[in-house]
Amino acid sequence: MPEGVVTASVCRISGLRPTQGCIRMSNTYTEFFVRGTVPANYCEECMSAATQAPTIRLNGRSSITLTVGEEYIEQRSNSNRRV
């Protein structure tokens, strides 16, 4: 690596220093910078996205709320299906 070049972790979305939200969502990568040019500010986009609870509407009537990283798997029965 050339002298005066450093590496730092940054957020893929904002290009800023990553927060725990970026890390949880796997939105980080290592970038090369000229020494002294590493972003000083931290990403706010992933932190707010990581703390929002996604809501899924089911048939427009009921809904469920998931925590970050939780999956929803719907199981359907074909017993009432007409052919």
PDB file of N, CA and C in Angstrom:
ATOM      1  N   MET A   1       0.852  -1.169   0.000  1.00  0.00           N
ATOM      2  CA  MET A   1       0.000   0.000   0.000  1.00  0.00           C
ATOM      3  C   MET A   1       0.902   1.237   0.000  1.00  0.00           C
ATOM      4  N   PRO A   2       0.565   2.209  -0.811  1.00  0.00           N
ATOM      5  CA  PRO A   2       1.379   3.428  -0.857  1.00  0.00           C
ATOM      6  C   PRO A   2       1.379   4.165   0.481  1.00  0.00           C
ATOM      7  N   GLU A   3       2.460   4.847   0.740  1.00  0.00           N
ATOM      8  CA  GLU A   3       2.550   5.644   1.963  1.00  0.00           C
ATOM      9  C   GLU A   3       1.493   6.745   1.918  1.00  0.00           C
ATOM     10  N   GLY A   4       0.851   6.977   3.054  1.00  0.00           N
ATOM     11  CA  GLY A   4      -0.174   8.021   3.134  1.00  0.00           C
ATOM     12  C   GLY A   4      -1.568   7.531   2.789  1.00  0.00           C
ATOM     13  N   VAL A   5      -1.705   6.255   2.436  1.00  0.00           N
ATOM     14  CA  VAL A   5      -3.031   5.680   2.150  1.00  0.00           C
ATOM     15  C   VAL A   5      -3.424   4.799   3.326  1.00  0.00           C
ATOM     16  N   VAL A   6      -4.672   4.957   3.791  1.00  0.00           N
ATOM     17  CA  VAL A   6      -5.188   4.168   4.909  1.00  0.00           C
ATOM     18  C   VAL A   6      -6.504   3.527   4.494  1.00  0.00           C
ATOM     19  N   THR A   7      -6.921   2.533   5.249  1.00  0.00           N
ATOM     20  CA  THR A   7      -8.219   1.906   5.001  1.00  0.00           C
ATOM     21  C   THR A   7      -9.149   2.206   6.162  1.00  0.00           C
ATOM     22  N   ALA A   8     -10.433   2.230   5.866  1.00  0.00           N
ATOM     23  CA  ALA A   8     -11.438   2.426   6.904  1.00  0.00           C
ATOM     24  C   ALA A   8     -12.734   1.772   6.454  1.00  0.00           C
ATOM     25  N   SER A   9     -13.506   1.342   7.406  1.00  0.00           N
ATOM     26  CA  SER A   9     -14.825   0.776   7.133  1.00  0.00           C
ATOM     27  C   SER A   9     -15.800   1.921   6.887  1.00  0.00           C
ATOM     28  N   VAL A  10     -16.623   1.776   5.848  1.00  0.00           N
ATOM     29  CA  VAL A  10     -17.651   2.788   5.560  1.00  0.00           C
ATOM     30  C   VAL A  10     -18.963   2.090   5.227  1.00  0.00           C
ATOM     31  N   CYS A  11     -20.042   2.845   5.298  1.00  0.00           N
ATOM     32  CA  CYS A  11     -21.372   2.346   4.972  1.00  0.00           C
ATOM     33  C   CYS A  11     -21.571   2.369   3.452  1.00  0.00           C
ATOM     34  N   ARG A  12     -22.111   1.291   2.902  1.00  0.00           N
ATOM     35  CA  ARG A  12     -22.393   1.224   1.457  1.00  0.00           C
ATOM     36  C   ARG A  12     -23.457   2.233   1.029  1.00  0.00           C
ATOM     37  N   ILE A  13     -24.362   2.567   1.921  1.00  0.00           N
ATOM     38  CA  ILE A  13     -25.471   3.462   1.589  1.00  0.00           C
ATOM     39  C   ILE A  13     -25.042   4.922   1.592  1.00  0.00           C
ATOM     40  N   SER A  14     -24.399   5.353   2.678  1.00  0.00           N
ATOM     41  CA  SER A  14     -24.087   6.775   2.849  1.00  0.00           C
ATOM     42  C   SER A  14     -22.645   7.142   2.534  1.00  0.00           C
ATOM     43  N   GLY A  15     -21.730   6.170   2.578  1.00  0.00           N
ATOM     44  CA  GLY A  15     -20.311   6.474   2.394  1.00  0.00           C
ATOM     45  C   GLY A  15     -19.665   7.049   3.643  1.00  0.00           C
ATOM     46  N   LEU A  16     -20.414   7.075   4.747  1.00  0.00           N
ATOM     47  CA  LEU A  16     -19.901   7.613   6.012  1.00  0.00           C
ATOM     48  C   LEU A  16     -19.448   6.487   6.919  1.00  0.00           C
ATOM     49  N   ARG A  17     -18.915   6.837   8.089  1.00  0.00           N
ATOM     50  CA  ARG A  17     -18.497   5.835   9.067  1.00  0.00           C
ATOM     51  C   ARG A  17     -19.703   4.999   9.471  1.00  0.00           C
ATOM     52  N   PRO A  18     -19.544   3.694   9.608  1.00  0.00           N
ATOM     53  CA  PRO A  18     -20.687   2.835   9.915  1.00  0.00           C
ATOM     54  C   PRO A  18     -21.105   2.886  11.380  1.00  0.00           C
ATOM     55  N   THR A  19     -22.398   2.671  11.598  1.00  0.00           N
ATOM     56  CA  THR A  19     -22.964   2.542  12.942  1.00  0.00           C
ATOM     57  C   THR A  19     -23.328   1.072  13.143  1.00  0.00           C
ATOM     58  N   GLN A  20     -23.841   0.738  14.307  1.00  0.00           N
ATOM     59  CA  GLN A  20     -24.288  -0.633  14.559  1.00  0.00           C
ATOM     60  C   GLN A  20     -25.389  -1.034  13.576  1.00  0.00           C
ATOM     61  N   GLY A  21     -26.219  -0.074  13.157  1.00  0.00           N
ATOM     62  CA  GLY A  21     -27.267  -0.367  12.176  1.00  0.00           C
ATOM     63  C   GLY A  21     -26.673  -0.822  10.853  1.00  0.00           C
ATOM     64  N   CYS A  22     -25.614  -0.178  10.405  1.00  0.00           N
ATOM     65  CA  CYS A  22     -24.943  -0.566   9.154  1.00  0.00           C
ATOM     66  C   CYS A  22     -24.368  -1.969   9.279  1.00  0.00           C
ATOM     67  N   ILE A  23     -23.761  -2.234  10.416  1.00  0.00           N
ATOM     68  CA  ILE A  23     -23.125  -3.529  10.632  1.00  0.00           C
ATOM     69  C   ILE A  23     -24.183  -4.631  10.683  1.00  0.00           C
ATOM     70  N   ARG A  24     -25.289  -4.397  11.415  1.00  0.00           N
ATOM     71  CA  ARG A  24     -26.355  -5.393  11.506  1.00  0.00           C
ATOM     72  C   ARG A  24     -26.951  -5.704  10.145  1.00  0.00           C
ATOM     73  N   MET A  25     -27.025  -4.699   9.282  1.00  0.00           N
ATOM     74  CA  MET A  25     -27.631  -4.884   7.966  1.00  0.00           C
ATOM     75  C   MET A  25     -26.584  -5.254   6.910  1.00  0.00           C
ATOM     76  N   SER A  26     -25.379  -5.540   7.336  1.00  0.00           N
ATOM     77  CA  SER A  26     -24.276  -5.918   6.424  1.00  0.00           C
ATOM     78  C   SER A  26     -24.056  -4.886   5.324  1.00  0.00           C
ATOM     79  N   ASN A  27     -24.096  -3.620   5.681  1.00  0.00           N
ATOM     80  CA  ASN A  27     -23.919  -2.524   4.725  1.00  0.00           C
ATOM     81  C   ASN A  27     -22.544  -1.882   4.832  1.00  0.00           C
ATOM     82  N   THR A  28     -21.518  -2.630   5.199  1.00  0.00           N
ATOM     83  CA  THR A  28     -20.194  -2.026   5.331  1.00  0.00           C
ATOM     84  C   THR A  28     -19.198  -2.654   4.365  1.00  0.00           C
ATOM     85  N   TYR A  29     -18.192  -1.888   4.024  1.00  0.00           N
ATOM     86  CA  TYR A  29     -17.072  -2.389   3.231  1.00  0.00           C
ATOM     87  C   TYR A  29     -15.845  -1.563   3.567  1.00  0.00           C
ATOM     88  N   THR A  30     -14.687  -2.052   3.168  1.00  0.00           N
ATOM     89  CA  THR A  30     -13.434  -1.355   3.432  1.00  0.00           C
ATOM     90  C   THR A  30     -13.075  -0.499   2.220  1.00  0.00           C
ATOM     91  N   GLU A  31     -12.752   0.754   2.481  1.00  0.00           N
ATOM     92  CA  GLU A  31     -12.417   1.718   1.424  1.00  0.00           C
ATOM     93  C   GLU A  31     -11.016   2.254   1.684  1.00  0.00           C
ATOM     94  N   PHE A  32     -10.355   2.705   0.639  1.00  0.00           N
ATOM     95  CA  PHE A  32      -9.036   3.320   0.744  1.00  0.00           C
ATOM     96  C   PHE A  32      -9.175   4.836   0.759  1.00  0.00           C
ATOM     97  N   PHE A  33      -8.413   5.493   1.614  1.00  0.00           N
ATOM     98  CA  PHE A  33      -8.446   6.947   1.738  1.00  0.00           C
ATOM     99  C   PHE A  33      -7.024   7.491   1.839  1.00  0.00           C
ATOM    100  N   VAL A  34      -6.852   8.708   1.380  1.00  0.00           N
ATOM    101  CA  VAL A  34      -5.622   9.437   1.675  1.00  0.00           C
ATOM    102  C   VAL A  34      -5.704   9.803   3.154  1.00  0.00           C
ATOM    103  N   ARG A  35      -4.614   9.576   3.886  1.00  0.00           N
ATOM    104  CA  ARG A  35      -4.608   9.867   5.320  1.00  0.00           C
ATOM    105  C   ARG A  35      -5.176  11.260   5.577  1.00  0.00           C
ATOM    106  N   GLY A  36      -6.098  11.337   6.519  1.00  0.00           N
ATOM    107  CA  GLY A  36      -6.719  12.611   6.883  1.00  0.00           C
ATOM    108  C   GLY A  36      -8.039  12.863   6.168  1.00  0.00           C
ATOM    109  N   THR A  37      -8.436  11.974   5.245  1.00  0.00           N
ATOM    110  CA  THR A  37      -9.693  12.198   4.514  1.00  0.00           C
ATOM    111  C   THR A  37     -10.778  11.182   4.857  1.00  0.00           C
ATOM    112  N   VAL A  38     -10.526  10.330   5.862  1.00  0.00           N
ATOM    113  CA  VAL A  38     -11.551   9.371   6.292  1.00  0.00           C
ATOM    114  C   VAL A  38     -12.742  10.174   6.816  1.00  0.00           C
ATOM    115  N   PRO A  39     -13.984   9.831   6.406  1.00  0.00           N
ATOM    116  CA  PRO A  39     -15.150  10.581   6.880  1.00  0.00           C
ATOM    117  C   PRO A  39     -15.202  10.632   8.410  1.00  0.00           C
ATOM    118  N   ALA A  40     -15.535  11.791   8.927  1.00  0.00           N
ATOM    119  CA  ALA A  40     -15.622  11.968  10.381  1.00  0.00           C
ATOM    120  C   ALA A  40     -17.040  11.701  10.884  1.00  0.00           C
ATOM    121  N   ASN A  41     -18.027  11.885  10.019  1.00  0.00           N
ATOM    122  CA  ASN A  41     -19.427  11.717  10.424  1.00  0.00           C
ATOM    123  C   ASN A  41     -19.862  10.259  10.304  1.00  0.00           C
ATOM    124  N   TYR A  42     -20.861   9.903  11.120  1.00  0.00           N
ATOM    125  CA  TYR A  42     -21.396   8.548  11.128  1.00  0.00           C
ATOM    126  C   TYR A  42     -22.738   8.500  10.395  1.00  0.00           C
ATOM    127  N   CYS A  43     -23.003   7.366   9.775  1.00  0.00           N
ATOM    128  CA  CYS A  43     -24.234   7.146   9.012  1.00  0.00           C
ATOM    129  C   CYS A  43     -25.456   7.239   9.930  1.00  0.00           C
ATOM    130  N   GLU A  44     -26.447   7.967   9.484  1.00  0.00           N
ATOM    131  CA  GLU A  44     -27.711   8.041  10.221  1.00  0.00           C
ATOM    132  C   GLU A  44     -28.792   7.253   9.500  1.00  0.00           C
ATOM    133  N   GLU A  45     -28.605   6.993   8.212  1.00  0.00           N
ATOM    134  CA  GLU A  45     -29.624   6.306   7.415  1.00  0.00           C
ATOM    135  C   GLU A  45     -29.861   4.880   7.897  1.00  0.00           C
ATOM    136  N   CYS A  46     -28.812   4.120   8.095  1.00  0.00           N
ATOM    137  CA  CYS A  46     -28.965   2.724   8.497  1.00  0.00           C
ATOM    138  C   CYS A  46     -29.426   2.599   9.942  1.00  0.00           C
ATOM    139  N   MET A  47     -29.025   3.532  10.782  1.00  0.00           N
ATOM    140  CA  MET A  47     -29.452   3.469  12.174  1.00  0.00           C
ATOM    141  C   MET A  47     -30.959   3.643  12.272  1.00  0.00           C
ATOM    142  N   SER A  48     -31.516   4.592  11.520  1.00  0.00           N
ATOM    143  CA  SER A  48     -32.968   4.782  11.585  1.00  0.00           C
ATOM    144  C   SER A  48     -33.685   3.627  10.912  1.00  0.00           C
ATOM    145  N   ALA A  49     -33.129   3.078   9.828  1.00  0.00           N
ATOM    146  CA  ALA A  49     -33.758   1.937   9.154  1.00  0.00           C
ATOM    147  C   ALA A  49     -33.713   0.699  10.040  1.00  0.00           C
ATOM    148  N   ALA A  50     -32.634   0.537  10.794  1.00  0.00           N
ATOM    149  CA  ALA A  50     -32.482  -0.644  11.635  1.00  0.00           C
ATOM    150  C   ALA A  50     -33.395  -0.614  12.848  1.00  0.00           C
ATOM    151  N   THR A  51     -33.829   0.559  13.264  1.00  0.00           N
ATOM    152  CA  THR A  51     -34.686   0.635  14.444  1.00  0.00           C
ATOM    153  C   THR A  51     -36.161   0.663  14.090  1.00  0.00           C
ATOM    154  N   GLN A  52     -36.492   0.824  12.815  1.00  0.00           N
ATOM    155  CA  GLN A  52     -37.892   0.811  12.412  1.00  0.00           C
ATOM    156  C   GLN A  52     -38.371  -0.622  12.296  1.00  0.00           C
ATOM    157  N   ALA A  53     -39.526  -0.893  12.848  1.00  0.00           N
ATOM    158  CA  ALA A  53     -40.090  -2.234  12.772  1.00  0.00           C
ATOM    159  C   ALA A  53     -40.934  -2.358  11.507  1.00  0.00           C
ATOM    160  N   PRO A  54     -40.565  -3.266  10.614  1.00  0.00           N
ATOM    161  CA  PRO A  54     -41.356  -3.440   9.401  1.00  0.00           C
ATOM    162  C   PRO A  54     -42.718  -4.043   9.722  1.00  0.00           C
ATOM    163  N   THR A  55     -43.729  -3.592   9.030  1.00  0.00           N
ATOM    164  CA  THR A  55     -45.078  -4.117   9.202  1.00  0.00           C
ATOM    165  C   THR A  55     -45.528  -4.726   7.890  1.00  0.00           C
ATOM    166  N   ILE A  56     -46.127  -5.899   7.974  1.00  0.00           N
ATOM    167  CA  ILE A  56     -46.621  -6.595   6.789  1.00  0.00           C
ATOM    168  C   ILE A  56     -48.132  -6.708   6.901  1.00  0.00           C
ATOM    169  N   ARG A  57     -48.830  -6.278   5.862  1.00  0.00           N
ATOM    170  CA  ARG A  57     -50.285  -6.412   5.833  1.00  0.00           C
ATOM    171  C   ARG A  57     -50.645  -7.757   5.228  1.00  0.00           C
ATOM    172  N   LEU A  58     -51.561  -8.439   5.859  1.00  0.00           N
ATOM    173  CA  LEU A  58     -52.015  -9.736   5.373  1.00  0.00           C
ATOM    174  C   LEU A  58     -53.416  -9.589   4.802  1.00  0.00           C
ATOM    175  N   ASN A  59     -53.552  -9.778   3.520  1.00  0.00           N
ATOM    176  CA  ASN A  59     -54.842  -9.657   2.838  1.00  0.00           C
ATOM    177  C   ASN A  59     -55.539  -8.328   3.107  1.00  0.00           C
ATOM    178  N   GLY A  60     -54.754  -7.312   3.418  1.00  0.00           N
ATOM    179  CA  GLY A  60     -55.320  -5.985   3.639  1.00  0.00           C
ATOM    180  C   GLY A  60     -56.077  -5.827   4.944  1.00  0.00           C
ATOM    181  N   ARG A  61     -56.140  -6.849   5.766  1.00  0.00           N
ATOM    182  CA  ARG A  61     -56.921  -6.779   7.000  1.00  0.00           C
ATOM    183  C   ARG A  61     -56.056  -6.748   8.247  1.00  0.00           C
ATOM    184  N   SER A  62     -55.312  -7.796   8.472  1.00  0.00           N
ATOM    185  CA  SER A  62     -54.504  -7.860   9.683  1.00  0.00           C
ATOM    186  C   SER A  62     -53.054  -7.549   9.341  1.00  0.00           C
ATOM    187  N   SER A  63     -52.249  -7.337  10.337  1.00  0.00           N
ATOM    188  CA  SER A  63     -50.839  -7.061  10.090  1.00  0.00           C
ATOM    189  C   SER A  63     -49.997  -7.675  11.193  1.00  0.00           C
ATOM    190  N   ILE A  64     -48.721  -7.886  10.884  1.00  0.00           N
ATOM    191  CA  ILE A  64     -47.771  -8.356  11.884  1.00  0.00           C
ATOM    192  C   ILE A  64     -46.583  -7.402  11.863  1.00  0.00           C
ATOM    193  N   THR A  65     -45.881  -7.327  12.958  1.00  0.00           N
ATOM    194  CA  THR A  65     -44.690  -6.492  13.049  1.00  0.00           C
ATOM    195  C   THR A  65     -43.504  -7.393  13.307  1.00  0.00           C
ATOM    196  N   LEU A  66     -42.441  -7.187  12.534  1.00  0.00           N
ATOM    197  CA  LEU A  66     -41.230  -7.991  12.669  1.00  0.00           C
ATOM    198  C   LEU A  66     -40.120  -7.164  13.290  1.00  0.00           C
ATOM    199  N   THR A  67     -39.259  -7.825  14.044  1.00  0.00           N
ATOM    200  CA  THR A  67     -38.061  -7.150  14.527  1.00  0.00           C
ATOM    201  C   THR A  67     -36.988  -7.281  13.459  1.00  0.00           C
ATOM    202  N   VAL A  68     -35.951  -6.484  13.550  1.00  0.00           N
ATOM    203  CA  VAL A  68     -34.892  -6.505  12.557  1.00  0.00           C
ATOM    204  C   VAL A  68     -34.261  -7.892  12.518  1.00  0.00           C
ATOM    205  N   GLY A  69     -34.143  -8.445  11.314  1.00  0.00           N
ATOM    206  CA  GLY A  69     -33.551  -9.758  11.127  1.00  0.00           C
ATOM    207  C   GLY A  69     -34.541 -10.904  11.219  1.00  0.00           C
ATOM    208  N   GLU A  70     -35.754 -10.645  11.650  1.00  0.00           N
ATOM    209  CA  GLU A  70     -36.763 -11.691  11.772  1.00  0.00           C
ATOM    210  C   GLU A  70     -37.410 -11.943  10.414  1.00  0.00           C
ATOM    211  N   GLU A  71     -37.740 -13.182  10.115  1.00  0.00           N
ATOM    212  CA  GLU A  71     -38.355 -13.533   8.843  1.00  0.00           C
ATOM    213  C   GLU A  71     -39.813 -13.921   9.050  1.00  0.00           C
ATOM    214  N   TYR A  72     -40.616 -13.680   8.026  1.00  0.00           N
ATOM    215  CA  TYR A  72     -42.011 -14.107   8.033  1.00  0.00           C
ATOM    216  C   TYR A  72     -42.168 -15.136   6.927  1.00  0.00           C
ATOM    217  N   ILE A  73     -42.609 -16.325   7.300  1.00  0.00           N
ATOM    218  CA  ILE A  73     -42.834 -17.384   6.324  1.00  0.00           C
ATOM    219  C   ILE A  73     -44.307 -17.750   6.378  1.00  0.00           C
ATOM    220  N   GLU A  74     -44.968 -17.580   5.269  1.00  0.00           N
ATOM    221  CA  GLU A  74     -46.400 -17.866   5.206  1.00  0.00           C
ATOM    222  C   GLU A  74     -46.615 -19.280   4.691  1.00  0.00           C
ATOM    223  N   GLN A  75     -47.459 -20.003   5.385  1.00  0.00           N
ATOM    224  CA  GLN A  75     -47.810 -21.347   4.940  1.00  0.00           C
ATOM    225  C   GLN A  75     -49.257 -21.317   4.474  1.00  0.00           C
ATOM    226  N   ARG A  76     -49.485 -21.810   3.277  1.00  0.00           N
ATOM    227  CA  ARG A  76     -50.825 -21.814   2.718  1.00  0.00           C
ATOM    228  C   ARG A  76     -51.291 -23.238   2.504  1.00  0.00           C
ATOM    229  N   SER A  77     -52.555 -23.412   2.681  1.00  0.00           N
ATOM    230  CA  SER A  77     -53.153 -24.714   2.438  1.00  0.00           C
ATOM    231  C   SER A  77     -53.846 -24.680   1.084  1.00  0.00           C
ATOM    232  N   ASN A  78     -53.675 -25.699   0.310  1.00  0.00           N
ATOM    233  CA  ASN A  78     -54.329 -25.790  -0.998  1.00  0.00           C
ATOM    234  C   ASN A  78     -55.602 -26.625  -0.939  1.00  0.00           C
ATOM    235  N   SER A  79     -56.067 -26.952   0.262  1.00  0.00           N
ATOM    236  CA  SER A  79     -57.230 -27.845   0.394  1.00  0.00           C
ATOM    237  C   SER A  79     -58.511 -27.236  -0.170  1.00  0.00           C
ATOM    238  N   ASN A  80     -58.634 -25.911  -0.205  1.00  0.00           N
ATOM    239  CA  ASN A  80     -59.840 -25.259  -0.723  1.00  0.00           C
ATOM    240  C   ASN A  80     -59.716 -24.860  -2.175  1.00  0.00           C
ATOM    241  N   ARG A  81     -58.665 -25.253  -2.786  1.00  0.00           N
ATOM    242  CA  ARG A  81     -58.403 -24.856  -4.172  1.00  0.00           C
ATOM    243  C   ARG A  81     -59.258 -25.668  -5.140  1.00  0.00           C
ATOM    244  N   ARG A  82     -59.907 -24.981  -6.055  1.00  0.00           N
ATOM    245  CA  ARG A  82     -60.711 -25.663  -7.070  1.00  0.00           C
ATOM    246  C   ARG A  82     -59.928 -25.751  -8.364  1.00  0.00           C
ATOM    247  N   VAL A  83     -59.999 -26.863  -9.015  1.00  0.00           N
ATOM    248  CA  VAL A  83     -59.271 -27.071 -10.257  1.00  0.00           C
ATOM    249  C   VAL A  83     -60.242 -27.109 -11.425  1.00  0.00           C
TER     250      VAL A  83
END
